[in-house]
Amino acid sequence: MAYALVSNGTTAGTSDVNQWINLFGAMAAGYSAFSKRLWPVVALDLFWASVSIKALIQIF
C-alpha cells in the first residue's frame, strides 16, 4: 500500500504516513510469520520495522 501511495504521488517516500504504513505492515507480516515459525521472515520483518522506527524518530 505504501509503495502504491508513493508511486502515485499521493505521499512522499520520506513522509510519516509512509513510515507508519511500513511499520504496521512489517508488524503484521512478522506476527503472521512468527505464528508459523518462519524465523528468517520474522528476522526480515524485525529489520524492516527497525528501519521504519529509525525513520520515524528522524521525522519527529
PDB file of N, CA and C in Angstrom:
ATOM      1  N   MET A   1       0.819  -1.179   0.000  1.00  0.00           N
ATOM      2  CA  MET A   1       0.000   0.000   0.000  1.00  0.00           C
ATOM      3  C   MET A   1       0.874   1.259   0.000  1.00  0.00           C
ATOM      4  N   ALA A   2       1.907   1.257   0.830  1.00  0.00           N
ATOM      5  CA  ALA A   2       2.794   2.422   0.883  1.00  0.00           C
ATOM      6  C   ALA A   2       3.467   2.635  -0.467  1.00  0.00           C
ATOM      7  N   TYR A   3       3.869   1.563  -1.111  1.00  0.00           N
ATOM      8  CA  TYR A   3       4.517   1.673  -2.423  1.00  0.00           C
ATOM      9  C   TYR A   3       3.572   2.307  -3.433  1.00  0.00           C
ATOM     10  N   ALA A   4       2.305   1.904  -3.411  1.00  0.00           N
ATOM     11  CA  ALA A   4       1.318   2.468  -4.333  1.00  0.00           C
ATOM     12  C   ALA A   4       1.113   3.958  -4.071  1.00  0.00           C
ATOM     13  N   LEU A   5       1.058   4.358  -2.803  1.00  0.00           N
ATOM     14  CA  LEU A   5       0.874   5.772  -2.470  1.00  0.00           C
ATOM     15  C   LEU A   5       2.056   6.615  -2.937  1.00  0.00           C
ATOM     16  N   VAL A   6       3.255   6.102  -2.761  1.00  0.00           N
ATOM     17  CA  VAL A   6       4.446   6.834  -3.199  1.00  0.00           C
ATOM     18  C   VAL A   6       4.510   6.869  -4.722  1.00  0.00           C
ATOM     19  N   SER A   7       4.214   5.762  -5.364  1.00  0.00           N
ATOM     20  CA  SER A   7       4.286   5.690  -6.823  1.00  0.00           C
ATOM     21  C   SER A   7       3.285   6.617  -7.499  1.00  0.00           C
ATOM     22  N   ASN A   8       2.120   6.794  -6.877  1.00  0.00           N
ATOM     23  CA  ASN A   8       1.093   7.666  -7.446  1.00  0.00           C
ATOM     24  C   ASN A   8       1.264   9.123  -7.038  1.00  0.00           C
ATOM     25  N   GLY A   9       2.252   9.417  -6.217  1.00  0.00           N
ATOM     26  CA  GLY A   9       2.498  10.783  -5.799  1.00  0.00           C
ATOM     27  C   GLY A   9       1.573  11.267  -4.699  1.00  0.00           C
ATOM     28  N   THR A  10       0.818  10.352  -4.083  1.00  0.00           N
ATOM     29  CA  THR A  10      -0.100  10.726  -3.007  1.00  0.00           C
ATOM     30  C   THR A  10       0.655  11.123  -1.753  1.00  0.00           C
ATOM     31  N   THR A  11       1.753  10.458  -1.489  1.00  0.00           N
ATOM     32  CA  THR A  11       2.589  10.758  -0.328  1.00  0.00           C
ATOM     33  C   THR A  11       4.054  10.626  -0.724  1.00  0.00           C
ATOM     34  N   ALA A  12       4.910  11.258   0.040  1.00  0.00           N
ATOM     35  CA  ALA A  12       6.352  11.172  -0.235  1.00  0.00           C
ATOM     36  C   ALA A  12       6.936   9.945   0.455  1.00  0.00           C
ATOM     37  N   GLY A  13       7.993   9.420  -0.102  1.00  0.00           N
ATOM     38  CA  GLY A  13       8.645   8.257   0.494  1.00  0.00           C
ATOM     39  C   GLY A  13       9.213   8.526   1.867  1.00  0.00           C
ATOM     40  N   THR A  14       9.472   9.783   2.160  1.00  0.00           N
ATOM     41  CA  THR A  14      10.024  10.151   3.463  1.00  0.00           C
ATOM     42  C   THR A  14       8.962  10.657   4.436  1.00  0.00           C
ATOM     43  N   SER A  15       7.688  10.555   4.072  1.00  0.00           N
ATOM     44  CA  SER A  15       6.625  11.074   4.941  1.00  0.00           C
ATOM     45  C   SER A  15       6.360  10.134   6.109  1.00  0.00           C
ATOM     46  N   ASP A  16       5.787  10.690   7.166  1.00  0.00           N
ATOM     47  CA  ASP A  16       5.460   9.859   8.322  1.00  0.00           C
ATOM     48  C   ASP A  16       4.358   8.856   7.993  1.00  0.00           C
ATOM     49  N   VAL A  17       3.436   9.217   7.097  1.00  0.00           N
ATOM     50  CA  VAL A  17       2.369   8.283   6.703  1.00  0.00           C
ATOM     51  C   VAL A  17       2.977   7.028   6.095  1.00  0.00           C
ATOM     52  N   ASN A  18       3.925   7.216   5.204  1.00  0.00           N
ATOM     53  CA  ASN A  18       4.596   6.087   4.563  1.00  0.00           C
ATOM     54  C   ASN A  18       5.306   5.212   5.588  1.00  0.00           C
ATOM     55  N   GLN A  19       5.977   5.833   6.533  1.00  0.00           N
ATOM     56  CA  GLN A  19       6.717   5.068   7.541  1.00  0.00           C
ATOM     57  C   GLN A  19       5.780   4.321   8.483  1.00  0.00           C
ATOM     58  N   TRP A  20       4.648   4.930   8.850  1.00  0.00           N
ATOM     59  CA  TRP A  20       3.680   4.226   9.703  1.00  0.00           C
ATOM     60  C   TRP A  20       3.089   3.014   8.983  1.00  0.00           C
ATOM     61  N   ILE A  21       2.769   3.179   7.702  1.00  0.00           N
ATOM     62  CA  ILE A  21       2.241   2.050   6.926  1.00  0.00           C
ATOM     63  C   ILE A  21       3.280   0.936   6.858  1.00  0.00           C
ATOM     64  N   ASN A  22       4.537   1.290   6.607  1.00  0.00           N
ATOM     65  CA  ASN A  22       5.605   0.287   6.562  1.00  0.00           C
ATOM     66  C   ASN A  22       5.769  -0.415   7.905  1.00  0.00           C
ATOM     67  N   LEU A  23       5.699   0.344   8.995  1.00  0.00           N
ATOM     68  CA  LEU A  23       5.862  -0.242  10.323  1.00  0.00           C
ATOM     69  C   LEU A  23       4.740  -1.228  10.629  1.00  0.00           C
ATOM     70  N   PHE A  24       3.499  -0.816  10.411  1.00  0.00           N
ATOM     71  CA  PHE A  24       2.381  -1.717  10.701  1.00  0.00           C
ATOM     72  C   PHE A  24       2.366  -2.926   9.768  1.00  0.00           C
ATOM     73  N   GLY A  25       2.781  -2.728   8.525  1.00  0.00           N
ATOM     74  CA  GLY A  25       2.886  -3.852   7.599  1.00  0.00           C
ATOM     75  C   GLY A  25       3.937  -4.855   8.041  1.00  0.00           C
ATOM     76  N   ALA A  26       5.084  -4.354   8.486  1.00  0.00           N
ATOM     77  CA  ALA A  26       6.150  -5.236   8.977  1.00  0.00           C
ATOM     78  C   ALA A  26       5.704  -5.977  10.228  1.00  0.00           C
ATOM     79  N   MET A  27       4.982  -5.279  11.108  1.00  0.00           N
ATOM     80  CA  MET A  27       4.497  -5.927  12.333  1.00  0.00           C
ATOM     81  C   MET A  27       3.469  -7.017  12.013  1.00  0.00           C
ATOM     82  N   ALA A  28       2.559  -6.739  11.092  1.00  0.00           N
ATOM     83  CA  ALA A  28       1.540  -7.725  10.726  1.00  0.00           C
ATOM     84  C   ALA A  28       2.170  -8.941  10.051  1.00  0.00           C
ATOM     85  N   ALA A  29       3.076  -8.697   9.117  1.00  0.00           N
ATOM     86  CA  ALA A  29       3.751  -9.805   8.442  1.00  0.00           C
ATOM     87  C   ALA A  29       4.621 -10.586   9.421  1.00  0.00           C
ATOM     88  N   GLY A  30       5.275  -9.874  10.332  1.00  0.00           N
ATOM     89  CA  GLY A  30       6.100 -10.533  11.342  1.00  0.00           C
ATOM     90  C   GLY A  30       5.285 -11.401  12.278  1.00  0.00           C
ATOM     91  N   TYR A  31       4.120 -10.917  12.679  1.00  0.00           N
ATOM     92  CA  TYR A  31       3.239 -11.707  13.544  1.00  0.00           C
ATOM     93  C   TYR A  31       2.775 -12.975  12.833  1.00  0.00           C
ATOM     94  N   SER A  32       2.392 -12.819  11.573  1.00  0.00           N
ATOM     95  CA  SER A  32       1.958 -13.983  10.797  1.00  0.00           C
ATOM     96  C   SER A  32       3.097 -14.990  10.649  1.00  0.00           C
ATOM     97  N   ALA A  33       4.288 -14.507  10.341  1.00  0.00           N
ATOM     98  CA  ALA A  33       5.445 -15.397  10.193  1.00  0.00           C
ATOM     99  C   ALA A  33       5.805 -16.054  11.520  1.00  0.00           C
ATOM    100  N   PHE A  34       5.706 -15.296  12.619  1.00  0.00           N
ATOM    101  CA  PHE A  34       6.014 -15.835  13.942  1.00  0.00           C
ATOM    102  C   PHE A  34       5.057 -16.971  14.296  1.00  0.00           C
ATOM    103  N   SER A  35       3.773 -16.793  13.979  1.00  0.00           N
ATOM    104  CA  SER A  35       2.797 -17.830  14.315  1.00  0.00           C
ATOM    105  C   SER A  35       3.024 -19.112  13.522  1.00  0.00           C
ATOM    106  N   LYS A  36       3.710 -18.999  12.375  1.00  0.00           N
ATOM    107  CA  LYS A  36       4.009 -20.172  11.551  1.00  0.00           C
ATOM    108  C   LYS A  36       5.458 -20.625  11.702  1.00  0.00           C
ATOM    109  N   ARG A  37       6.181 -19.980  12.626  1.00  0.00           N
ATOM    110  CA  ARG A  37       7.578 -20.299  12.920  1.00  0.00           C
ATOM    111  C   ARG A  37       8.493 -20.178  11.701  1.00  0.00           C
ATOM    112  N   LEU A  38       8.276 -19.140  10.934  1.00  0.00           N
ATOM    113  CA  LEU A  38       9.120 -18.854   9.780  1.00  0.00           C
ATOM    114  C   LEU A  38      10.179 -17.839  10.214  1.00  0.00           C
ATOM    115  N   TRP A  39      11.196 -18.331  10.900  1.00  0.00           N
ATOM    116  CA  TRP A  39      12.171 -17.471  11.563  1.00  0.00           C
ATOM    117  C   TRP A  39      12.927 -16.523  10.635  1.00  0.00           C
ATOM    118  N   PRO A  40      13.332 -16.941   9.440  1.00  0.00           N
ATOM    119  CA  PRO A  40      14.004 -15.970   8.561  1.00  0.00           C
ATOM    120  C   PRO A  40      13.096 -14.790   8.186  1.00  0.00           C
ATOM    121  N   VAL A  41      11.823 -15.066   7.990  1.00  0.00           N
ATOM    122  CA  VAL A  41      10.869 -13.999   7.657  1.00  0.00           C
ATOM    123  C   VAL A  41      10.656 -13.089   8.862  1.00  0.00           C
ATOM    124  N   VAL A  42      10.601 -13.669  10.060  1.00  0.00           N
ATOM    125  CA  VAL A  42      10.475 -12.874  11.286  1.00  0.00           C
ATOM    126  C   VAL A  42      11.671 -11.932  11.406  1.00  0.00           C
ATOM    127  N   ALA A  43      12.872 -12.449  11.165  1.00  0.00           N
ATOM    128  CA  ALA A  43      14.077 -11.621  11.246  1.00  0.00           C
ATOM    129  C   ALA A  43      14.027 -10.479  10.227  1.00  0.00           C
ATOM    130  N   LEU A  44      13.604 -10.778   9.015  1.00  0.00           N
ATOM    131  CA  LEU A  44      13.496  -9.749   7.982  1.00  0.00           C
ATOM    132  C   LEU A  44      12.482  -8.674   8.382  1.00  0.00           C
ATOM    133  N   ASP A  45      11.344  -9.085   8.923  1.00  0.00           N
ATOM    134  CA  ASP A  45      10.319  -8.122   9.327  1.00  0.00           C
ATOM    135  C   ASP A  45      10.750  -7.296  10.532  1.00  0.00           C
ATOM    136  N   LEU A  46      11.526  -7.882  11.438  1.00  0.00           N
ATOM    137  CA  LEU A  46      12.078  -7.100  12.545  1.00  0.00           C
ATOM    138  C   LEU A  46      13.036  -6.030  12.019  1.00  0.00           C
ATOM    139  N   PHE A  47      13.847  -6.407  11.049  1.00  0.00           N
ATOM    140  CA  PHE A  47      14.744  -5.432  10.435  1.00  0.00           C
ATOM    141  C   PHE A  47      13.944  -4.328   9.753  1.00  0.00           C
ATOM    142  N   TRP A  48      12.926  -4.707   8.996  1.00  0.00           N
ATOM    143  CA  TRP A  48      12.110  -3.732   8.272  1.00  0.00           C
ATOM    144  C   TRP A  48      11.399  -2.789   9.246  1.00  0.00           C
ATOM    145  N   ALA A  49      10.901  -3.334  10.350  1.00  0.00           N
ATOM    146  CA  ALA A  49      10.259  -2.498  11.370  1.00  0.00           C
ATOM    147  C   ALA A  49      11.270  -1.540  11.988  1.00  0.00           C
ATOM    148  N   SER A  50      12.491  -2.010  12.219  1.00  0.00           N
ATOM    149  CA  SER A  50      13.508  -1.135  12.814  1.00  0.00           C
ATOM    150  C   SER A  50      13.881   0.006  11.872  1.00  0.00           C
ATOM    151  N   VAL A  51      13.884  -0.247  10.576  1.00  0.00           N
ATOM    152  CA  VAL A  51      14.147   0.817   9.601  1.00  0.00           C
ATOM    153  C   VAL A  51      13.045   1.872   9.678  1.00  0.00           C
ATOM    154  N   SER A  52      11.798   1.427   9.771  1.00  0.00           N
ATOM    155  CA  SER A  52      10.674   2.361   9.874  1.00  0.00           C
ATOM    156  C   SER A  52      10.724   3.160  11.168  1.00  0.00           C
ATOM    157  N   ILE A  53      11.063   2.498  12.265  1.00  0.00           N
ATOM    158  CA  ILE A  53      11.153   3.193  13.558  1.00  0.00           C
ATOM    159  C   ILE A  53      12.255   4.249  13.514  1.00  0.00           C
ATOM    160  N   LYS A  54      13.401   3.899  12.942  1.00  0.00           N
ATOM    161  CA  LYS A  54      14.502   4.862  12.827  1.00  0.00           C
ATOM    162  C   LYS A  54      14.073   6.069  11.998  1.00  0.00           C
ATOM    163  N   ALA A  55      13.371   5.821  10.900  1.00  0.00           N
ATOM    164  CA  ALA A  55      12.903   6.920  10.052  1.00  0.00           C
ATOM    165  C   ALA A  55      11.889   7.793  10.791  1.00  0.00           C
ATOM    166  N   LEU A  56      11.003   7.175  11.553  1.00  0.00           N
ATOM    167  CA  LEU A  56      10.015   7.949  12.315  1.00  0.00           C
ATOM    168  C   LEU A  56      10.690   8.813  13.378  1.00  0.00           C
ATOM    169  N   ILE A  57      11.714   8.286  14.013  1.00  0.00           N
ATOM    170  CA  ILE A  57      12.453   9.073  15.011  1.00  0.00           C
ATOM    171  C   ILE A  57      13.105  10.284  14.346  1.00  0.00           C
ATOM    172  N   GLN A  58      13.652  10.089  13.161  1.00  0.00           N
ATOM    173  CA  GLN A  58      14.280  11.205  12.454  1.00  0.00           C
ATOM    174  C   GLN A  58      13.249  12.242  12.011  1.00  0.00           C
ATOM    175  N   ILE A  59      12.046  11.786  11.649  1.00  0.00           N
ATOM    176  CA  ILE A  59      10.990  12.708  11.217  1.00  0.00           C
ATOM    177  C   ILE A  59      10.512  13.559  12.386  1.00  0.00           C
ATOM    178  N   PHE A  60      10.313  12.909  13.538  1.00  0.00           N
ATOM    179  CA  PHE A  60       9.793  13.636  14.700  1.00  0.00           C
ATOM    180  C   PHE A  60      10.935  14.105  15.554  1.00  0.00           C
TER     181      PHE A  60
END
